[in-house]
Protein backbone atom coordinates (compact mmCIF):
# COMPACT_ATOMS: atom_id res chain seq x y z
CA UNK A 1 20.53 36.37 50.39
CA UNK A 2 24.20 35.77 51.19
CA UNK A 3 27.01 35.21 48.74
CA UNK A 4 27.15 31.45 49.32
CA UNK A 5 23.46 31.07 48.48
CA UNK A 6 23.97 33.14 45.35
CA UNK A 7 26.88 30.92 44.39
CA UNK A 8 24.91 27.76 45.15
CA UNK A 9 21.95 28.81 42.96
CA UNK A 10 24.32 29.66 40.12
CA UNK A 11 26.17 26.38 40.60
CA UNK A 12 22.89 24.43 40.46
CA UNK A 13 21.88 26.18 37.23
CA UNK A 14 25.29 25.55 35.68
CA UNK A 15 25.20 21.92 36.77
CA UNK A 16 21.73 21.47 35.20
CA UNK A 17 22.99 23.01 31.99
CA UNK A 18 26.08 20.80 31.93
CA UNK A 19 23.98 17.68 32.48
CA UNK A 20 21.58 18.70 29.71
CA UNK A 21 24.40 19.50 27.28
CA UNK A 22 25.94 16.11 28.01
CA UNK A 23 22.56 14.47 27.45
CA UNK A 24 22.28 16.24 24.09
CA UNK A 25 25.74 15.10 23.05
CA UNK A 26 25.03 11.50 24.05
CA UNK A 27 21.80 11.43 22.04
CA UNK A 28 22.91 13.39 18.98
CA UNK A 29 22.41 10.28 16.84
CA UNK A 30 19.39 8.86 18.65
CA UNK A 31 16.41 8.59 16.24
CA UNK A 32 13.65 11.00 17.18
CA UNK A 33 15.62 12.80 19.88
CA UNK A 34 14.94 16.53 20.26
CA UNK A 35 17.59 18.87 21.61
CA UNK A 36 16.91 19.91 25.19
CA UNK A 37 17.73 23.12 27.00
CA UNK A 38 17.43 24.33 30.58
CA UNK A 39 14.95 27.14 31.14
CA UNK A 40 15.94 29.44 34.02
CA UNK A 41 14.61 32.62 35.50
CA UNK A 42 15.68 35.12 38.10
CA UNK A 43 15.05 34.10 41.67
CA UNK A 44 13.82 37.59 42.42
CA UNK A 45 15.31 40.26 44.65
CA UNK A 46 15.36 41.34 48.29
CA UNK A 47 14.20 44.87 49.03
CA UNK A 48 16.50 47.04 51.18
CA UNK A 49 16.88 50.68 51.88
CA UNK A 50 19.78 50.71 49.46
CA UNK A 51 17.75 49.05 46.66
CA UNK A 52 16.75 45.57 45.51
CA UNK A 53 19.49 42.97 45.74
CA UNK A 54 19.10 39.89 43.51
CA UNK A 55 18.66 36.44 44.99
CA UNK A 56 20.29 34.65 42.07
CA UNK A 57 18.89 32.23 39.51
CA UNK A 58 16.42 29.35 39.63
CA UNK A 59 15.90 26.39 37.29
CA UNK A 60 12.32 26.28 36.02
CA UNK A 61 12.28 23.27 33.70
CA UNK A 62 13.99 21.42 30.87
CA UNK A 63 12.37 22.04 27.50
CA UNK A 64 12.80 20.18 24.21
CA UNK A 65 13.21 22.06 20.94
CA UNK A 66 10.20 20.86 18.98
CA UNK A 67 8.01 22.37 16.28
CA UNK A 68 4.85 20.36 15.74
CA UNK A 69 4.24 21.71 12.23
CA UNK A 70 7.74 20.88 10.99
CA UNK A 71 7.64 17.46 12.64
CA UNK A 72 4.31 16.62 11.02
CA UNK A 73 5.60 17.73 7.62
CA UNK A 74 8.58 15.40 7.94
CA UNK A 75 6.46 12.46 9.14
CA UNK A 76 3.96 12.94 6.29
CA UNK A 77 6.76 13.13 3.74
CA UNK A 78 8.29 9.93 5.08
CA UNK A 79 4.92 8.16 5.01
CA UNK A 80 4.36 8.99 1.37
CA UNK A 81 7.94 8.03 0.56
CA UNK A 82 7.39 4.61 2.14
CA UNK A 83 4.19 4.19 0.12
CA UNK A 84 5.96 5.02 -3.15
CA UNK A 85 8.85 2.69 -2.33
CA UNK A 86 6.48 -0.17 -1.52
CA UNK A 87 4.47 0.40 -4.70
CA UNK A 88 7.62 0.70 -6.78
CA UNK A 89 9.13 -2.54 -5.48
CA UNK A 90 6.04 -4.45 -6.59
CA UNK A 91 5.19 -2.77 -9.90
CA UNK A 92 8.79 -2.98 -11.13
CA UNK A 93 8.60 -6.77 -10.93
CA UNK A 94 5.53 -6.83 -13.19
CA UNK A 95 7.10 -4.30 -15.53
CA UNK A 96 10.29 -6.35 -15.85
CA UNK A 97 8.25 -9.44 -16.71
CA UNK A 98 5.88 -8.11 -19.36
CA UNK A 99 8.15 -5.49 -20.95
CA UNK A 100 10.69 -8.06 -22.21
CA UNK A 101 9.97 -8.49 -25.93
CA UNK A 102 12.22 -11.56 -26.24
CA UNK A 103 10.22 -13.82 -23.92
CA UNK A 104 6.66 -14.06 -22.66
CA UNK A 105 3.26 -13.44 -24.22
CA UNK A 106 4.14 -11.11 -27.11
CA UNK A 107 6.69 -13.37 -28.86
CA UNK A 108 4.50 -16.42 -28.12
CA UNK A 109 1.57 -14.76 -29.95
CA UNK A 110 3.80 -13.90 -32.87
CA UNK A 111 5.19 -17.43 -33.08
CA UNK A 112 1.69 -18.89 -32.94
CA UNK A 113 0.50 -16.82 -35.88
CA UNK A 114 3.72 -17.55 -37.76
CA UNK A 115 2.81 -21.21 -37.34
CA UNK A 116 -0.73 -20.48 -38.53
CA UNK A 117 0.66 -18.85 -41.68
CA UNK A 118 2.89 -21.86 -42.32
CA UNK A 119 -0.07 -24.25 -42.12
CA UNK A 120 -2.16 -21.94 -44.30
CA UNK A 121 0.58 -22.09 -46.96
CA UNK A 122 1.02 -25.87 -46.78
CA UNK A 123 -2.06 -27.29 -45.04
CA UNK A 124 -1.11 -30.87 -45.85
CA UNK A 125 2.42 -30.63 -44.41
CA UNK A 126 2.54 -32.70 -41.18
CA UNK A 127 5.71 -30.92 -40.04
CA UNK A 128 4.02 -27.51 -40.27
CA UNK A 129 1.01 -28.80 -38.37
CA UNK A 130 3.19 -30.38 -35.69
CA UNK A 131 5.10 -27.12 -35.30
CA UNK A 132 1.83 -25.22 -34.89
CA UNK A 133 0.70 -27.71 -32.26
CA UNK A 134 3.85 -27.06 -30.26
CA UNK A 135 3.53 -23.30 -30.62
CA UNK A 136 -0.09 -23.44 -29.53
CA UNK A 137 0.90 -25.30 -26.38
CA UNK A 138 3.71 -22.79 -25.79
CA UNK A 139 1.25 -19.90 -26.07
CA UNK A 140 -1.08 -21.52 -23.55
CA UNK A 141 1.90 -22.16 -21.29
CA UNK A 142 2.95 -18.50 -21.43
CA UNK A 143 -0.52 -17.32 -20.40
CA UNK A 144 -0.60 -19.88 -17.58
CA UNK A 145 2.89 -18.98 -16.35
CA UNK A 146 2.27 -15.24 -16.34
CA UNK A 147 -0.96 -15.69 -14.45
CA UNK A 148 0.86 -17.91 -11.94
CA UNK A 149 3.48 -15.20 -11.48
CA UNK A 150 0.76 -12.61 -10.84
CA UNK A 151 -0.99 -14.93 -8.37
CA UNK A 152 2.29 -15.47 -6.56
CA UNK A 153 2.74 -11.75 -6.36
CA UNK A 154 -0.76 -11.41 -4.93
CA UNK A 155 0.13 -14.01 -2.30
CA UNK A 156 3.30 -12.07 -1.51
CA UNK A 157 1.29 -8.88 -1.06
CA UNK A 158 -1.16 -10.73 1.18
CA UNK A 159 1.71 -12.00 3.34
CA UNK A 160 3.17 -8.52 3.65
CA UNK A 161 -0.21 -7.10 4.63
CA UNK A 162 -0.42 -9.60 7.48
CA UNK A 163 3.11 -8.77 8.63
CA UNK A 164 2.51 -5.02 8.51
CA UNK A 165 -0.72 -5.31 10.49
CA UNK A 166 1.23 -7.12 13.22
CA UNK A 167 3.88 -4.38 13.17
CA UNK A 168 1.22 -1.66 13.34
CA UNK A 169 -0.31 -3.27 16.42
CA UNK A 170 3.10 -3.39 18.08
CA UNK A 171 3.58 0.36 17.60
CA UNK A 172 0.00 1.05 18.67
CA UNK A 173 0.58 -0.83 21.92
CA UNK A 174 3.80 1.09 22.53
CA UNK A 175 2.11 4.47 21.98
CA UNK A 176 -0.60 3.55 24.48
CA UNK A 177 2.04 2.52 27.04
CA UNK A 178 3.91 5.79 26.52
CA UNK A 179 0.66 7.73 26.94
CA UNK A 180 0.28 6.13 30.33
CA UNK A 181 3.92 6.67 31.35
CA UNK A 182 3.74 10.33 30.31
CA UNK A 183 0.56 10.86 32.28
CA UNK A 184 2.10 9.29 35.40
CA UNK A 185 5.34 11.25 35.04
CA UNK A 186 3.55 14.59 34.65
CA UNK A 187 1.24 13.82 37.54
CA UNK A 188 4.08 12.99 39.94
CA UNK A 189 6.45 15.85 39.09
CA UNK A 190 4.41 18.49 37.34
CA UNK A 191 7.12 18.52 34.67
CA UNK A 192 7.07 17.35 31.06
CA UNK A 193 9.04 14.10 30.45
CA UNK A 194 10.82 15.19 27.25
CA UNK A 195 12.46 11.86 26.49
CA UNK A 196 9.16 10.02 26.75
CA UNK A 197 7.58 12.57 24.41
CA UNK A 198 10.36 11.99 21.90
CA UNK A 199 9.93 8.23 22.16
CA UNK A 200 6.20 8.55 21.56
CA UNK A 201 6.70 10.83 18.56
CA UNK A 202 9.22 8.38 17.13
CA UNK A 203 6.72 5.54 17.53
CA UNK A 204 4.16 7.61 15.64
CA UNK A 205 6.73 8.35 12.92
CA UNK A 206 7.57 4.65 12.61
CA UNK A 207 3.86 3.85 12.52
CA UNK A 208 3.36 6.30 9.64
CA UNK A 209 6.05 4.47 7.69
CA UNK A 210 3.68 1.48 7.79
CA UNK A 211 0.37 3.31 7.29
CA UNK A 212 -0.78 6.90 7.52
CA UNK A 213 -2.38 7.63 10.90
CA UNK A 214 -3.98 10.78 12.23
CA UNK A 215 -2.90 12.20 15.59
CA UNK A 216 -5.06 14.22 17.96
CA UNK A 217 -3.43 15.52 21.15
CA UNK A 218 -5.62 16.28 24.15
CA UNK A 219 -4.20 17.06 27.58
CA UNK A 220 -0.86 15.61 26.60
CA UNK A 221 -2.38 12.31 25.44
CA UNK A 222 -2.32 11.04 21.85
CA UNK A 223 -5.40 9.64 20.15
CA UNK A 224 -4.56 7.80 16.93
CA UNK A 225 -6.97 6.98 14.11
CA UNK A 226 -6.60 5.30 10.75
CA UNK A 227 -8.61 5.39 7.55
CA UNK A 228 -11.79 7.41 7.96
CA UNK A 229 -11.36 7.93 11.69
CA UNK A 230 -11.28 4.40 13.07
CA UNK A 231 -9.65 4.37 16.50
CA UNK A 232 -6.28 2.77 17.11
CA UNK A 233 -5.28 4.41 20.40
CA UNK A 234 -7.21 6.44 22.95
CA UNK A 235 -5.18 7.23 26.04
CA UNK A 236 -3.87 3.92 27.30
CA UNK A 237 -6.55 1.91 25.46
CA UNK A 238 -5.75 0.17 22.18
CA UNK A 239 -7.95 -1.03 19.33
CA UNK A 240 -5.73 -3.45 17.40
CA UNK A 241 -6.15 -4.16 13.72
CA UNK A 242 -6.57 -7.66 12.35
CA UNK A 243 -6.01 -9.10 8.90
CA UNK A 244 -8.03 -11.70 7.08
CA UNK A 245 -9.60 -12.60 3.74
CA UNK A 246 -11.76 -9.83 2.36
CA UNK A 247 -15.51 -10.31 2.71
CA UNK A 248 -15.98 -9.38 -0.95
CA UNK A 249 -12.89 -11.10 -2.41
CA UNK A 250 -11.33 -13.79 -0.19
CA UNK A 251 -8.19 -13.97 -2.32
CA UNK A 252 -7.20 -10.53 -1.09
CA UNK A 253 -6.00 -10.06 2.46
CA UNK A 254 -7.94 -7.18 4.01
CA UNK A 255 -7.48 -5.05 7.13
CA UNK A 256 -10.17 -5.12 9.80
CA UNK A 257 -10.85 -2.65 12.59
CA UNK A 258 -12.66 -3.21 15.87
CA UNK A 259 -15.62 -0.88 16.33
CA UNK A 260 -17.98 -0.64 19.32
CA UNK A 261 -21.10 -2.76 18.89
CA UNK A 262 -23.52 -3.17 21.76
CA UNK A 263 -21.57 -4.28 24.81
CA UNK A 264 -18.58 -5.43 22.83
CA UNK A 265 -16.81 -4.87 19.55
CA UNK A 266 -17.41 -5.93 15.98
CA UNK A 267 -14.82 -6.60 13.31
CA UNK A 268 -15.38 -4.40 10.27
CA UNK A 269 -13.40 -4.46 7.04
CA UNK A 270 -11.51 -1.22 6.50
CA UNK A 271 -12.22 0.41 3.14
CA UNK A 272 -8.97 -0.09 1.25
CA UNK A 273 -9.33 3.29 -0.46
CA UNK A 274 -9.07 4.96 2.96
CA UNK A 275 -5.65 3.44 3.67
CA UNK A 276 -3.21 6.13 2.65
CA UNK A 277 0.54 6.31 2.96
CA UNK A 278 3.11 3.94 4.37
CA UNK A 279 4.12 0.54 3.10
CA UNK A 280 0.59 -0.78 3.59
CA UNK A 281 -0.88 1.99 1.45
CA UNK A 282 1.64 1.24 -1.30
CA UNK A 283 0.86 -2.48 -1.30
CA UNK A 284 -2.89 -1.95 -1.46
CA UNK A 285 -2.57 0.71 -4.17
CA UNK A 286 -0.42 -1.65 -6.23
CA UNK A 287 -2.86 -4.53 -5.80
CA UNK A 288 -5.88 -2.42 -6.69
CA UNK A 289 -4.48 -0.19 -9.45
CA UNK A 290 -1.84 -2.36 -11.09
CA UNK A 291 -2.00 -6.04 -10.19
CA UNK A 292 -5.77 -6.42 -10.55
CA UNK A 293 -5.77 -4.44 -13.79
CA UNK A 294 -2.93 -6.43 -15.36
CA UNK A 295 -4.51 -9.74 -14.41
CA UNK A 296 -7.89 -8.67 -15.80
CA UNK A 297 -6.34 -7.47 -19.06
CA UNK A 298 -4.31 -10.65 -19.38
CA UNK A 299 -7.47 -12.72 -18.86
CA UNK A 300 -9.37 -10.62 -21.37
CA UNK A 301 -6.63 -11.19 -23.96
CA UNK A 302 -6.40 -14.94 -23.31
CA UNK A 303 -10.16 -15.48 -23.35
CA UNK A 304 -10.87 -13.16 -26.25
CA UNK A 305 -8.14 -14.73 -28.38
CA UNK A 306 -9.31 -18.25 -27.56
CA UNK A 307 -12.96 -17.43 -28.33
CA UNK A 308 -12.14 -15.73 -31.62
CA UNK A 309 -9.85 -18.54 -32.81
CA UNK A 310 -12.31 -21.23 -31.72
CA UNK A 311 -15.10 -19.45 -33.60
CA UNK A 312 -13.13 -19.43 -36.88
CA UNK A 313 -11.86 -22.98 -36.25
CA UNK A 314 -15.48 -24.16 -36.11
CA UNK A 315 -16.11 -22.78 -39.59
CA UNK A 316 -13.51 -25.06 -41.24
CA UNK A 317 -12.71 -28.72 -41.58
CA UNK A 318 -9.68 -30.60 -40.32
CA UNK A 319 -7.28 -32.81 -42.26
CA UNK A 320 -9.76 -35.69 -42.02
CA UNK A 321 -12.61 -33.61 -43.44
CA UNK A 322 -14.33 -33.31 -40.08
CA UNK A 323 -15.78 -30.03 -38.74
CA UNK A 324 -13.29 -28.08 -36.65
CA UNK A 325 -13.44 -28.64 -32.92
CA UNK A 326 -12.34 -26.03 -30.32
CA UNK A 327 -8.60 -25.55 -30.04
CA UNK A 328 -8.79 -23.89 -26.63
CA UNK A 329 -10.75 -24.43 -23.45
CA UNK A 330 -11.49 -21.11 -21.79
CA UNK A 331 -11.87 -20.39 -18.11
CA UNK A 332 -15.15 -19.23 -16.65
CA UNK A 333 -15.92 -16.19 -14.50
CA UNK A 334 -15.27 -16.26 -10.79
CA UNK A 335 -18.27 -15.39 -8.65
CA UNK A 336 -17.78 -14.58 -4.98
CA UNK A 337 -20.69 -14.08 -2.61
CA UNK A 338 -20.05 -11.59 0.14
CA UNK A 339 -19.26 -13.38 3.39
CA UNK A 340 -21.95 -11.34 5.16
CA UNK A 341 -24.82 -12.28 2.82
CA UNK A 342 -27.90 -13.35 4.74
CA UNK A 343 -29.86 -14.96 1.90
CA UNK A 344 -29.41 -18.13 -0.13
CA UNK A 345 -28.99 -16.44 -3.51
CA UNK A 346 -26.48 -18.16 -5.79
CA UNK A 347 -24.99 -16.28 -8.73
CA UNK A 348 -23.69 -18.08 -11.81
CA UNK A 349 -22.10 -16.63 -14.93
CA UNK A 350 -20.68 -17.95 -18.17
CA UNK A 351 -18.83 -16.33 -21.04
CA UNK A 352 -20.72 -16.39 -24.33
CA UNK A 353 -18.94 -18.20 -27.14
CA UNK A 354 -19.45 -15.16 -29.38
CA UNK A 355 -18.52 -12.68 -26.66
CA UNK A 356 -14.87 -12.01 -27.55
CA UNK A 357 -15.41 -8.39 -28.59
CA UNK A 358 -17.80 -7.63 -25.71
CA UNK A 359 -15.65 -9.01 -22.93
CA UNK A 360 -14.18 -6.28 -20.69
CA UNK A 361 -11.12 -6.24 -18.48
CA UNK A 362 -13.37 -5.41 -15.54
CA UNK A 363 -14.89 -6.72 -12.35
CA UNK A 364 -18.56 -6.28 -11.47
CA UNK A 365 -20.24 -5.46 -8.17
CA UNK A 366 -23.76 -6.90 -7.94
CA UNK A 367 -26.12 -5.71 -5.19
CA UNK A 368 -29.70 -6.61 -4.31
CA UNK A 369 -31.73 -3.97 -2.46
CA UNK A 370 -34.71 -6.23 -1.79
CA UNK A 371 -36.42 -5.40 -5.08
CA UNK A 372 -33.85 -4.65 -7.76
CA UNK A 373 -30.46 -5.91 -8.80
CA UNK A 374 -27.81 -3.37 -9.64
CA UNK A 375 -24.66 -4.36 -11.56
CA UNK A 376 -21.81 -1.86 -11.51
CA UNK A 377 -18.72 -2.30 -13.63
CA UNK A 378 -15.40 -1.61 -11.91
CA UNK A 379 -13.17 0.29 -11.89
CA UNK A 380 -15.07 2.78 -14.10
CA UNK A 381 -18.15 2.69 -11.82
CA UNK A 382 -20.63 2.45 -14.70
CA UNK A 383 -24.02 0.85 -14.02
CA UNK A 384 -24.51 -1.81 -16.69
CA UNK A 385 -27.67 -3.48 -15.39
CA UNK A 386 -30.63 -2.55 -13.22
CA UNK A 387 -33.72 -4.70 -12.92
CA UNK A 388 -35.91 -6.90 -10.79
CA UNK A 389 -34.47 -10.19 -12.02
CA UNK A 390 -31.15 -11.66 -13.00
CA UNK A 391 -32.31 -14.48 -15.22
CA UNK A 392 -30.00 -15.03 -18.19
CA UNK A 393 -29.07 -11.35 -18.11
CA UNK A 394 -26.65 -10.38 -20.89
CA UNK A 395 -23.79 -8.33 -19.48
CA UNK A 396 -20.65 -7.55 -21.48
CA UNK A 397 -20.43 -10.87 -23.30
CA UNK A 398 -21.64 -12.93 -20.34
CA UNK A 399 -24.84 -14.67 -19.33
CA UNK A 400 -25.59 -14.01 -15.67
CA UNK A 401 -28.24 -15.82 -13.61
CA UNK A 402 -29.14 -15.68 -9.95
CA UNK A 403 -30.96 -18.54 -8.28
CA UNK A 404 -32.12 -19.11 -4.75
CA UNK A 405 -33.57 -16.44 -2.48
CA UNK A 406 -31.34 -13.46 -1.75
CA UNK A 407 -31.91 -11.01 1.08
CA UNK A 408 -31.90 -7.25 0.86
CA UNK A 409 -28.35 -5.98 1.12
CA UNK A 410 -26.73 -9.13 -0.29
CA UNK A 411 -23.91 -8.59 -2.76
CA UNK A 412 -21.62 -10.53 -5.06
CA UNK A 413 -18.42 -9.84 -6.96
CA UNK A 414 -18.22 -11.10 -10.54
CA UNK A 415 -14.72 -11.43 -12.00
CA UNK A 416 -14.92 -12.70 -15.58
CA UNK A 417 -11.23 -12.37 -16.47
CA UNK A 418 -9.26 -12.37 -13.21
CA UNK A 419 -8.00 -15.96 -13.51
CA UNK A 420 -8.95 -16.99 -17.04
CA UNK A 421 -5.37 -16.68 -18.31
CA UNK A 422 -4.40 -19.35 -15.80
CA UNK A 423 -7.37 -21.54 -16.74
CA UNK A 424 -6.67 -21.52 -20.47
CA UNK A 425 -6.07 -25.03 -21.85
CA UNK A 426 -5.38 -26.62 -25.23
CA UNK A 427 -8.04 -29.14 -26.19
CA UNK A 428 -6.61 -30.70 -29.34
CA UNK A 429 -3.73 -33.15 -29.14
CA UNK A 430 -3.36 -34.12 -32.80
CA UNK A 431 -2.01 -31.74 -35.48
CA UNK A 432 -4.62 -33.17 -37.86
CA UNK A 433 -7.34 -31.42 -35.84
CA UNK A 434 -6.44 -27.93 -37.06
CA UNK A 435 -9.31 -26.95 -39.37
CA UNK A 436 -7.17 -25.30 -42.03
CA UNK A 437 -9.57 -25.81 -44.91
CA UNK A 438 -12.89 -24.27 -45.77
CA UNK A 439 -15.75 -26.82 -46.19
CA UNK A 440 -16.26 -25.90 -49.85
CA UNK A 441 -12.67 -26.43 -50.90
CA UNK A 442 -11.88 -29.83 -49.49
CA UNK A 443 -9.51 -30.70 -46.65
CA UNK A 444 -6.35 -29.75 -48.56
CA UNK A 445 -6.92 -25.97 -48.89
CA UNK A 446 -5.75 -23.39 -46.31
CA UNK A 447 -8.55 -20.84 -46.60
CA UNK A 448 -9.85 -21.25 -43.08
CA UNK A 449 -6.36 -21.08 -41.63
CA UNK A 450 -5.90 -17.79 -43.50
CA UNK A 451 -9.02 -16.56 -41.73
CA UNK A 452 -7.43 -17.48 -38.38
CA UNK A 453 -4.22 -15.71 -39.45
CA UNK A 454 -6.24 -12.58 -40.20
CA UNK A 455 -7.28 -12.43 -36.53
CA UNK A 456 -3.77 -11.30 -35.60
CA UNK A 457 -4.39 -7.80 -36.92
CA UNK A 458 -8.19 -7.60 -36.85
CA UNK A 459 -9.93 -5.46 -34.22
CA UNK A 460 -11.33 -8.33 -32.21
CA UNK A 461 -11.23 -7.13 -28.60
CA UNK A 462 -12.60 -4.17 -26.65
CA UNK A 463 -15.77 -3.70 -28.63
CA UNK A 464 -13.96 -4.12 -31.93
CA UNK A 465 -11.33 -1.48 -31.12
CA UNK A 466 -8.22 -3.57 -30.39
CA UNK A 467 -6.23 -6.34 -31.97
CA UNK A 468 -4.49 -8.96 -29.84
CA UNK A 469 -1.14 -7.18 -30.12
CA UNK A 470 -2.72 -3.83 -29.33
CA UNK A 471 -4.41 -5.28 -26.25
CA UNK A 472 -1.14 -6.65 -24.97
CA UNK A 473 0.71 -3.42 -25.80
CA UNK A 474 -1.92 -1.46 -23.89
CA UNK A 475 -1.30 -3.63 -20.84
CA UNK A 476 2.48 -3.22 -21.16
CA UNK A 477 2.17 0.55 -21.61
CA UNK A 478 -0.07 0.99 -18.57
CA UNK A 479 2.36 -0.87 -16.35
CA UNK A 480 5.26 1.11 -17.82
CA UNK A 481 3.43 4.38 -17.12
CA UNK A 482 2.72 3.28 -13.52
CA UNK A 483 6.40 2.39 -13.09
CA UNK A 484 7.69 5.63 -14.58
CA UNK A 485 5.23 7.82 -12.69
CA UNK A 486 6.08 6.10 -9.43
CA UNK A 487 9.80 6.50 -10.09
CA UNK A 488 9.43 10.20 -10.82
CA UNK A 489 7.25 10.74 -7.75
CA UNK A 490 9.66 8.76 -5.57
CA UNK A 491 12.57 10.91 -6.73
CA UNK A 492 10.68 14.12 -6.01
CA UNK A 493 9.52 12.74 -2.67
CA UNK A 494 13.07 11.88 -1.66
CA UNK A 495 14.02 15.52 -2.21
CA UNK A 496 11.00 16.63 -0.15
CA UNK A 497 11.93 14.23 2.66
CA UNK A 498 15.44 15.68 2.73
CA UNK A 499 14.05 19.21 2.75
CA UNK A 500 11.56 18.60 5.56
CA UNK A 501 14.18 16.66 7.52
CA UNK A 502 16.59 19.59 7.31
CA UNK A 503 13.89 22.01 8.43
CA UNK A 504 12.96 19.74 11.32
CA UNK A 505 16.57 19.22 12.37
CA UNK A 506 17.29 22.94 12.23
CA UNK A 507 14.90 23.26 15.15
CA UNK A 508 15.16 19.93 16.96
CA UNK A 509 18.52 18.49 15.97
CA UNK A 510 21.66 18.53 18.13
CA UNK A 511 24.54 20.65 16.84
CA UNK A 512 27.65 19.13 18.41
CA UNK A 513 29.76 22.24 17.78
CA UNK A 514 27.18 24.32 19.61
CA UNK A 515 27.07 21.87 22.48
CA UNK A 516 30.88 21.92 22.79
CA UNK A 517 30.76 25.72 23.07
CA UNK A 518 27.98 25.45 25.62
CA UNK A 519 30.06 23.05 27.71
CA UNK A 520 32.81 25.66 27.95
CA UNK A 521 30.31 28.40 28.85
CA UNK A 522 28.56 26.34 31.49
CA UNK A 523 31.87 25.14 32.92
CA UNK A 524 33.02 28.74 33.29
CA UNK A 525 29.73 29.56 34.97
CA UNK A 526 30.19 26.64 37.34
CA UNK A 527 33.75 27.73 38.16
CA UNK A 528 32.60 31.31 38.71
CA UNK A 529 29.87 30.08 41.06
CA UNK A 530 32.45 28.04 42.96
CA UNK A 531 34.62 31.15 43.23
CA UNK A 532 31.69 33.06 44.62
CA UNK A 533 31.21 30.43 47.30
CA UNK A 534 34.95 30.50 47.99
CA UNK A 535 34.85 34.29 48.40
CA UNK A 536 31.87 33.95 50.70
CA UNK A 537 33.77 31.43 52.85
CA UNK A 538 36.86 33.67 52.97
CA UNK A 539 34.82 36.65 54.05
CA UNK A 540 33.12 34.54 56.70
CA UNK A 541 36.47 33.31 58.04
CA UNK A 542 37.73 36.89 58.11
CA UNK A 543 34.73 38.02 60.10
CA UNK A 544 35.12 35.15 62.53
CA UNK A 545 38.79 36.08 62.96
CA UNK A 546 37.97 39.68 63.76
CA UNK A 547 35.37 38.57 66.24
CA UNK A 548 37.84 36.28 67.98
């Protein structure tokens, strides 16, 4: 090994380090970039009688500063943060609507019963009756409007689910492409393509902001799964998601995965409870735990109030001495047959006119196993019916009947209160139709209207445990709790994201001050190597001069 070769090896190492330091500086703000460093080792030594003389330095590789554990912690924290933000954006809209005591359902209920009291005091006063008619219509309008708002929010969630599924597929495709590029790069050079690895990890991080995915690395290739292990990426192969109406509830947009089936693939609905993290997880959690619950409770209140008032109205007589006719028209349960049902079974359900106290703010899953029908109330999971026939079955204030011929495995979803607030109507158009009087006292007394007024504070709903105001307050409080809990969790999660980010950056981030110092060091090394080559050339010229 001569001096010029020693100088050249040192110059090559210094040059590699300068290039890498410059690369670090250029990408200090690039999302997902990991600081790189040149790994060198001694080039060995030449044995002589005077000892072993070193042959200089050799560049082995360029390595990125990356800790898988810290990176995964940061990605997981971000995914949960995105979920909480998505949930919070939606639930805050509902909270803002129903928590306002100056407008909406609560003041409309109060004004209605104030009107009832006025008619009870002066049952023959046409002005009082006309005022009550207007307040009744306003109450119906408030229920209808709130249900419309909730339906619009459901449609907004459905639209976002579709958009996110498209975005997920885009990232999935990119990860598969990077898997292939990484494999080709490693195969052609034997070296690890650090920048491609960073790009792939950033794609995975961005993907987790949309939905939590699991990553398995084998031989440098990423396999991605979602939910309970459904494949998204395997090597360079992709298994895109699709979105579409849920088989069990077409009003909800569901996520479908492609699973192997025979020689091809089958589209299977992904269990929404398995979708964790990311914006998608937040949207689905909001729809399942807040939106559905609020809409069911609103329907329960609207239907229960209408049934109770209609029942008392029927016990009195109107201003013309005629028996009271219903004030309200109630909506009827929604029944949805699963899209994959093989039989011809048709389920029908109606709300019993005396079912106000029995009606629950629940949905019901009905399954037929070939012999028996099982009815499970959701979300509490309680079995409320099990038998060989559904013929006028009495279930929580409803009459349920199944006709036709179902097949084993068929299922239905029964939703008695999901949309009933939107279906509520006022049937009477004349103020004379309010049955204020009891039959025994003539048409001029207000005894029956006093009985309607008493409903405001009586325990009419929830099995005789809640008044109308208490039912509404319960709904408001639940949404408020969801909003407050989400806000507190989001605040704590933001601190965790910052903490995990700092830990991750301490290992992988670029410190510009450090890189500036390195530039000076590597420049000095380069200059020293040049000097060594210069000395070698001088000595060579001297030797040549002596020889001449």
